[in-house]
């Protein structure tokens, strides 16, 4: 990776959220799990409105993080047909849901103690 392009967890989570927004991801939330979990430091949670939309969101996150920041996913799980896609960047885990699955799993409720990160640059 070129010098100076490495992102810390928060910057990576924000970069992911911005990619998701660019691809019309819905209800994007960044949760700060530092000190609350040993799973990851941040979760980025978003909804897509269809299977093709989930595929596009996943693809764009993977491609743009690699192309723009030299960051590759450690692990990918779930297929868009499952209505829940997970992309693991170690410090940041991205959850892309179909709205019904997002409501069912309710990660934001499960991690209600995690502060939300303000990521938009109005």
N, C-alpha and C. Protein backbone atom coordinates (compact mmCIF):
# COMPACT_ATOMS: atom_id res chain seq x y z
N UNK A 1 0.85 -1.17 0.00
CA UNK A 1 0.00 0.00 0.00
C UNK A 1 0.90 1.23 0.00
N UNK A 2 0.59 2.24 -0.81
CA UNK A 2 1.41 3.44 -0.85
C UNK A 2 1.43 4.15 0.48
N UNK A 3 2.52 4.79 0.79
CA UNK A 3 2.68 5.50 2.05
C UNK A 3 1.63 6.60 2.19
N UNK A 4 1.10 6.73 3.41
CA UNK A 4 0.16 7.81 3.69
C UNK A 4 -1.28 7.51 3.35
N UNK A 5 -1.57 6.33 2.77
CA UNK A 5 -2.95 6.04 2.40
C UNK A 5 -3.65 5.14 3.41
N UNK A 6 -2.93 4.65 4.41
CA UNK A 6 -3.53 3.75 5.38
C UNK A 6 -4.59 4.48 6.20
N UNK A 7 -5.72 3.84 6.36
CA UNK A 7 -6.83 4.43 7.10
C UNK A 7 -6.95 3.76 8.46
N UNK A 8 -7.24 4.56 9.50
CA UNK A 8 -7.58 3.95 10.79
C UNK A 8 -9.02 3.46 10.71
N UNK A 9 -9.48 2.77 11.75
CA UNK A 9 -10.81 2.18 11.73
C UNK A 9 -11.92 3.17 11.46
N UNK A 10 -11.88 4.30 12.13
CA UNK A 10 -12.94 5.30 11.95
C UNK A 10 -12.94 5.84 10.53
N UNK A 11 -11.77 6.18 10.01
CA UNK A 11 -11.68 6.71 8.64
C UNK A 11 -12.15 5.67 7.63
N UNK A 12 -11.82 4.41 7.87
CA UNK A 12 -12.25 3.34 6.98
C UNK A 12 -13.77 3.19 7.02
N UNK A 13 -14.34 3.23 8.22
CA UNK A 13 -15.80 3.12 8.36
C UNK A 13 -16.50 4.27 7.64
N UNK A 14 -15.96 5.46 7.76
CA UNK A 14 -16.54 6.62 7.08
C UNK A 14 -16.41 6.47 5.56
N UNK A 15 -15.26 6.00 5.10
CA UNK A 15 -15.07 5.78 3.66
C UNK A 15 -16.08 4.77 3.13
N UNK A 16 -16.32 3.71 3.88
CA UNK A 16 -17.31 2.70 3.48
C UNK A 16 -18.70 3.34 3.42
N UNK A 17 -19.06 4.11 4.43
CA UNK A 17 -20.38 4.76 4.46
C UNK A 17 -20.56 5.67 3.25
N UNK A 18 -19.51 6.38 2.87
CA UNK A 18 -19.60 7.28 1.72
C UNK A 18 -19.78 6.51 0.42
N UNK A 19 -19.10 5.37 0.28
CA UNK A 19 -19.29 4.53 -0.90
C UNK A 19 -20.73 4.03 -0.95
N UNK A 20 -21.24 3.58 0.17
CA UNK A 20 -22.62 3.09 0.23
C UNK A 20 -23.60 4.20 -0.14
N UNK A 21 -23.35 5.39 0.35
CA UNK A 21 -24.23 6.52 0.01
C UNK A 21 -24.17 6.82 -1.48
N UNK A 22 -22.97 6.80 -2.05
CA UNK A 22 -22.81 7.05 -3.49
C UNK A 22 -23.61 6.05 -4.32
N UNK A 23 -23.78 4.85 -3.80
CA UNK A 23 -24.51 3.80 -4.50
C UNK A 23 -25.97 3.69 -4.04
N UNK A 24 -26.43 4.74 -3.39
CA UNK A 24 -27.82 4.83 -2.93
C UNK A 24 -28.19 3.79 -1.88
N UNK A 25 -27.21 3.43 -1.04
CA UNK A 25 -27.52 2.62 0.13
C UNK A 25 -28.46 3.41 1.02
N UNK A 26 -29.31 2.73 1.76
CA UNK A 26 -30.34 3.39 2.55
C UNK A 26 -30.07 3.22 4.05
N UNK A 27 -30.45 4.23 4.81
CA UNK A 27 -30.38 4.18 6.28
C UNK A 27 -29.00 3.74 6.77
N UNK A 28 -27.98 4.42 6.31
CA UNK A 28 -26.60 4.06 6.64
C UNK A 28 -26.27 4.53 8.05
N UNK A 29 -25.76 3.60 8.86
CA UNK A 29 -25.39 3.88 10.24
C UNK A 29 -23.98 3.36 10.48
N UNK A 30 -23.16 4.18 11.14
CA UNK A 30 -21.83 3.75 11.55
C UNK A 30 -21.84 3.69 13.08
N UNK A 31 -21.55 2.51 13.62
CA UNK A 31 -21.53 2.30 15.07
C UNK A 31 -20.10 2.15 15.56
N UNK A 32 -19.76 2.86 16.62
CA UNK A 32 -18.43 2.78 17.23
C UNK A 32 -18.49 1.72 18.33
N UNK A 33 -17.83 0.59 18.09
CA UNK A 33 -17.84 -0.52 19.04
C UNK A 33 -16.58 -0.57 19.90
N UNK A 34 -15.72 0.44 19.78
CA UNK A 34 -14.48 0.44 20.55
C UNK A 34 -14.80 0.33 22.04
N UNK A 35 -14.18 -0.61 22.72
CA UNK A 35 -14.40 -0.82 24.14
C UNK A 35 -15.65 -1.62 24.46
N UNK A 36 -16.47 -1.90 23.45
CA UNK A 36 -17.70 -2.66 23.67
C UNK A 36 -17.62 -4.07 23.10
N UNK A 37 -16.72 -4.29 22.17
CA UNK A 37 -16.65 -5.57 21.48
C UNK A 37 -15.23 -5.88 21.06
N UNK A 38 -14.91 -7.16 21.03
CA UNK A 38 -13.63 -7.56 20.47
C UNK A 38 -13.80 -8.10 19.05
N UNK A 39 -15.00 -7.99 18.51
CA UNK A 39 -15.28 -8.42 17.14
C UNK A 39 -14.67 -7.45 16.14
N UNK A 40 -14.93 -6.17 16.35
CA UNK A 40 -14.46 -5.11 15.45
C UNK A 40 -14.57 -3.79 16.20
N UNK A 41 -13.93 -2.76 15.66
CA UNK A 41 -14.05 -1.43 16.25
C UNK A 41 -15.26 -0.67 15.74
N UNK A 42 -15.69 -0.99 14.52
CA UNK A 42 -16.82 -0.28 13.91
C UNK A 42 -17.67 -1.26 13.11
N UNK A 43 -18.98 -1.02 13.13
CA UNK A 43 -19.92 -1.65 12.22
C UNK A 43 -20.45 -0.55 11.31
N UNK A 44 -20.58 -0.86 10.05
CA UNK A 44 -21.32 -0.01 9.12
C UNK A 44 -22.51 -0.83 8.68
N UNK A 45 -23.71 -0.30 8.90
CA UNK A 45 -24.94 -1.02 8.60
C UNK A 45 -25.72 -0.22 7.58
N UNK A 46 -26.23 -0.91 6.57
CA UNK A 46 -27.03 -0.21 5.56
C UNK A 46 -28.03 -1.17 4.94
N UNK A 47 -29.01 -0.62 4.27
CA UNK A 47 -30.02 -1.42 3.57
C UNK A 47 -29.91 -1.18 2.08
N UNK A 48 -30.23 -2.24 1.34
CA UNK A 48 -30.39 -2.15 -0.11
C UNK A 48 -31.80 -2.60 -0.43
N UNK A 49 -32.35 -2.10 -1.52
CA UNK A 49 -33.77 -2.33 -1.77
C UNK A 49 -34.09 -3.56 -2.63
N UNK A 50 -33.07 -4.29 -3.09
CA UNK A 50 -33.30 -5.48 -3.91
C UNK A 50 -32.03 -6.32 -3.94
N UNK A 51 -32.14 -7.54 -4.45
CA UNK A 51 -30.96 -8.39 -4.58
C UNK A 51 -29.90 -7.75 -5.49
N UNK A 52 -30.28 -7.22 -6.66
CA UNK A 52 -29.26 -6.55 -7.48
C UNK A 52 -28.62 -5.35 -6.77
N UNK A 53 -29.39 -4.64 -5.97
CA UNK A 53 -28.85 -3.50 -5.23
C UNK A 53 -27.84 -3.97 -4.18
N UNK A 54 -28.15 -5.05 -3.46
CA UNK A 54 -27.19 -5.60 -2.49
C UNK A 54 -25.89 -6.00 -3.19
N UNK A 55 -26.01 -6.64 -4.36
CA UNK A 55 -24.83 -7.03 -5.14
C UNK A 55 -24.00 -5.81 -5.51
N UNK A 56 -24.67 -4.76 -5.98
CA UNK A 56 -23.96 -3.54 -6.39
C UNK A 56 -23.28 -2.87 -5.21
N UNK A 57 -23.94 -2.81 -4.08
CA UNK A 57 -23.35 -2.19 -2.89
C UNK A 57 -22.11 -2.96 -2.46
N UNK A 58 -22.21 -4.26 -2.40
CA UNK A 58 -21.06 -5.10 -2.01
C UNK A 58 -19.90 -4.92 -2.98
N UNK A 59 -20.20 -5.00 -4.27
CA UNK A 59 -19.16 -4.86 -5.29
C UNK A 59 -18.45 -3.51 -5.19
N UNK A 60 -19.22 -2.45 -5.05
CA UNK A 60 -18.62 -1.11 -4.98
C UNK A 60 -17.76 -0.93 -3.75
N UNK A 61 -18.21 -1.43 -2.61
CA UNK A 61 -17.40 -1.33 -1.39
C UNK A 61 -16.07 -2.05 -1.61
N UNK A 62 -16.12 -3.27 -2.12
CA UNK A 62 -14.89 -4.04 -2.33
C UNK A 62 -13.96 -3.36 -3.33
N UNK A 63 -14.51 -2.92 -4.46
CA UNK A 63 -13.69 -2.32 -5.51
C UNK A 63 -13.12 -0.97 -5.10
N UNK A 64 -13.96 -0.11 -4.58
CA UNK A 64 -13.49 1.25 -4.28
C UNK A 64 -12.53 1.30 -3.10
N UNK A 65 -12.76 0.48 -2.08
CA UNK A 65 -11.81 0.47 -0.96
C UNK A 65 -10.45 -0.01 -1.43
N UNK A 66 -10.44 -0.99 -2.32
CA UNK A 66 -9.17 -1.49 -2.86
C UNK A 66 -8.53 -0.44 -3.78
N UNK A 67 -9.30 0.11 -4.71
CA UNK A 67 -8.76 1.05 -5.69
C UNK A 67 -8.34 2.38 -5.06
N UNK A 68 -9.16 2.90 -4.16
CA UNK A 68 -8.92 4.24 -3.62
C UNK A 68 -8.05 4.26 -2.38
N UNK A 69 -8.04 3.15 -1.63
CA UNK A 69 -7.31 3.15 -0.35
C UNK A 69 -6.37 1.96 -0.18
N UNK A 70 -6.34 1.07 -1.17
CA UNK A 70 -5.46 -0.10 -1.07
C UNK A 70 -5.88 -1.08 -0.01
N UNK A 71 -7.15 -1.07 0.38
CA UNK A 71 -7.65 -1.92 1.45
C UNK A 71 -8.47 -3.06 0.85
N UNK A 72 -8.10 -4.28 1.20
CA UNK A 72 -8.85 -5.44 0.74
C UNK A 72 -9.57 -6.08 1.92
N UNK A 73 -10.70 -6.67 1.63
CA UNK A 73 -11.49 -7.34 2.67
C UNK A 73 -10.74 -8.57 3.16
N UNK A 74 -10.82 -8.79 4.46
CA UNK A 74 -10.26 -9.99 5.08
C UNK A 74 -11.16 -11.19 4.80
N UNK A 75 -12.49 -10.94 4.82
CA UNK A 75 -13.46 -12.01 4.65
C UNK A 75 -14.75 -11.43 4.11
N UNK A 76 -15.43 -12.21 3.29
CA UNK A 76 -16.75 -11.84 2.77
C UNK A 76 -17.68 -13.01 3.07
N UNK A 77 -18.90 -12.70 3.46
CA UNK A 77 -19.84 -13.77 3.79
C UNK A 77 -21.23 -13.36 3.34
N UNK A 78 -22.04 -14.35 3.08
CA UNK A 78 -23.41 -14.10 2.66
C UNK A 78 -23.44 -13.71 1.19
N UNK A 79 -24.48 -14.10 0.54
CA UNK A 79 -24.70 -13.71 -0.84
C UNK A 79 -25.92 -12.82 -0.87
N UNK A 80 -25.99 -11.93 -1.86
CA UNK A 80 -27.15 -11.03 -1.91
C UNK A 80 -28.48 -11.77 -1.87
N UNK A 81 -28.54 -12.99 -2.41
CA UNK A 81 -29.79 -13.76 -2.36
C UNK A 81 -30.21 -14.07 -0.93
N UNK A 82 -29.25 -14.10 -0.01
CA UNK A 82 -29.57 -14.38 1.40
C UNK A 82 -30.14 -13.16 2.11
N UNK A 83 -30.10 -12.02 1.47
CA UNK A 83 -30.62 -10.75 1.98
C UNK A 83 -29.77 -10.17 3.11
N UNK A 84 -28.58 -10.71 3.33
CA UNK A 84 -27.63 -10.15 4.30
C UNK A 84 -26.23 -10.45 3.80
N UNK A 85 -25.48 -9.41 3.53
CA UNK A 85 -24.11 -9.54 3.05
C UNK A 85 -23.20 -8.92 4.10
N UNK A 86 -22.11 -9.61 4.40
CA UNK A 86 -21.15 -9.12 5.37
C UNK A 86 -19.79 -9.01 4.69
N UNK A 87 -19.12 -7.87 4.90
CA UNK A 87 -17.76 -7.66 4.40
C UNK A 87 -16.91 -7.28 5.61
N UNK A 88 -15.88 -8.07 5.86
CA UNK A 88 -15.05 -7.91 7.05
C UNK A 88 -13.71 -7.30 6.67
N UNK A 89 -13.47 -6.08 7.15
CA UNK A 89 -12.19 -5.41 6.97
C UNK A 89 -11.38 -5.44 8.27
N UNK A 90 -11.65 -6.37 9.14
CA UNK A 90 -11.04 -6.60 10.45
C UNK A 90 -11.49 -5.54 11.45
N UNK A 91 -11.02 -4.31 11.34
CA UNK A 91 -11.44 -3.25 12.27
C UNK A 91 -12.86 -2.77 11.99
N UNK A 92 -13.31 -2.98 10.76
CA UNK A 92 -14.63 -2.52 10.33
C UNK A 92 -15.36 -3.69 9.68
N UNK A 93 -16.58 -3.94 10.14
CA UNK A 93 -17.42 -4.96 9.52
C UNK A 93 -18.63 -4.25 8.91
N UNK A 94 -18.86 -4.55 7.64
CA UNK A 94 -19.94 -3.93 6.88
C UNK A 94 -21.08 -4.93 6.77
N UNK A 95 -22.28 -4.50 7.15
CA UNK A 95 -23.48 -5.33 7.07
C UNK A 95 -24.43 -4.65 6.08
N UNK A 96 -24.74 -5.35 5.00
CA UNK A 96 -25.66 -4.83 3.99
C UNK A 96 -26.87 -5.76 3.98
N UNK A 97 -28.01 -5.19 4.32
CA UNK A 97 -29.23 -5.98 4.52
C UNK A 97 -30.33 -5.60 3.53
N UNK A 98 -31.18 -6.55 3.26
CA UNK A 98 -32.50 -6.26 2.72
C UNK A 98 -33.29 -5.73 3.92
N UNK A 99 -34.17 -4.74 3.75
CA UNK A 99 -34.83 -4.12 4.91
C UNK A 99 -35.49 -5.09 5.89
N UNK A 100 -36.13 -6.15 5.39
CA UNK A 100 -36.79 -7.09 6.30
C UNK A 100 -35.78 -7.83 7.17
N UNK A 101 -34.66 -8.23 6.60
CA UNK A 101 -33.62 -8.91 7.38
C UNK A 101 -32.99 -7.96 8.39
N UNK A 102 -32.81 -6.72 7.98
CA UNK A 102 -32.24 -5.74 8.90
C UNK A 102 -33.15 -5.56 10.11
N UNK A 103 -34.43 -5.46 9.86
CA UNK A 103 -35.38 -5.32 10.97
C UNK A 103 -35.36 -6.57 11.85
N UNK A 104 -35.28 -7.74 11.24
CA UNK A 104 -35.29 -9.00 11.99
C UNK A 104 -34.06 -9.11 12.90
N UNK A 105 -32.88 -8.83 12.36
CA UNK A 105 -31.65 -8.98 13.15
C UNK A 105 -31.38 -7.79 14.06
N UNK A 106 -31.88 -6.64 13.74
CA UNK A 106 -31.85 -5.44 14.60
C UNK A 106 -30.49 -5.19 15.25
N UNK A 107 -29.45 -5.12 14.42
CA UNK A 107 -28.11 -4.89 14.97
C UNK A 107 -28.00 -3.58 15.74
N UNK A 108 -28.69 -2.56 15.27
CA UNK A 108 -28.62 -1.28 15.98
C UNK A 108 -29.21 -1.39 17.38
N UNK A 109 -30.23 -2.23 17.56
CA UNK A 109 -30.79 -2.45 18.89
C UNK A 109 -29.86 -3.32 19.74
N UNK A 110 -29.30 -4.34 19.12
CA UNK A 110 -28.37 -5.23 19.82
C UNK A 110 -27.16 -4.46 20.34
N UNK A 111 -26.70 -3.51 19.57
CA UNK A 111 -25.54 -2.69 19.93
C UNK A 111 -25.98 -1.27 20.30
N UNK A 112 -27.07 -1.16 21.03
CA UNK A 112 -27.62 0.15 21.39
C UNK A 112 -26.66 0.99 22.22
N UNK A 113 -25.73 0.36 22.93
CA UNK A 113 -24.75 1.11 23.73
C UNK A 113 -23.65 1.73 22.88
N UNK A 114 -23.56 1.32 21.63
CA UNK A 114 -22.51 1.84 20.75
C UNK A 114 -22.92 3.21 20.20
N UNK A 115 -22.06 4.21 20.40
CA UNK A 115 -22.39 5.52 19.84
C UNK A 115 -22.37 5.50 18.31
N UNK A 116 -23.27 6.27 17.72
CA UNK A 116 -23.27 6.41 16.27
C UNK A 116 -22.24 7.47 15.88
N UNK A 117 -21.52 7.19 14.81
CA UNK A 117 -20.50 8.10 14.30
C UNK A 117 -21.14 9.01 13.26
N UNK A 118 -20.92 10.30 13.40
CA UNK A 118 -21.39 11.26 12.39
C UNK A 118 -20.43 11.16 11.21
N UNK A 119 -20.91 10.73 10.07
CA UNK A 119 -20.03 10.49 8.93
C UNK A 119 -20.30 11.37 7.73
N UNK A 120 -21.45 12.01 7.69
CA UNK A 120 -21.76 12.88 6.54
C UNK A 120 -21.01 14.19 6.65
N UNK A 121 -20.58 14.70 5.51
CA UNK A 121 -19.80 15.94 5.49
C UNK A 121 -20.61 17.10 4.94
N UNK A 122 -21.80 17.27 5.42
CA UNK A 122 -22.72 18.31 4.92
C UNK A 122 -22.00 19.51 4.50
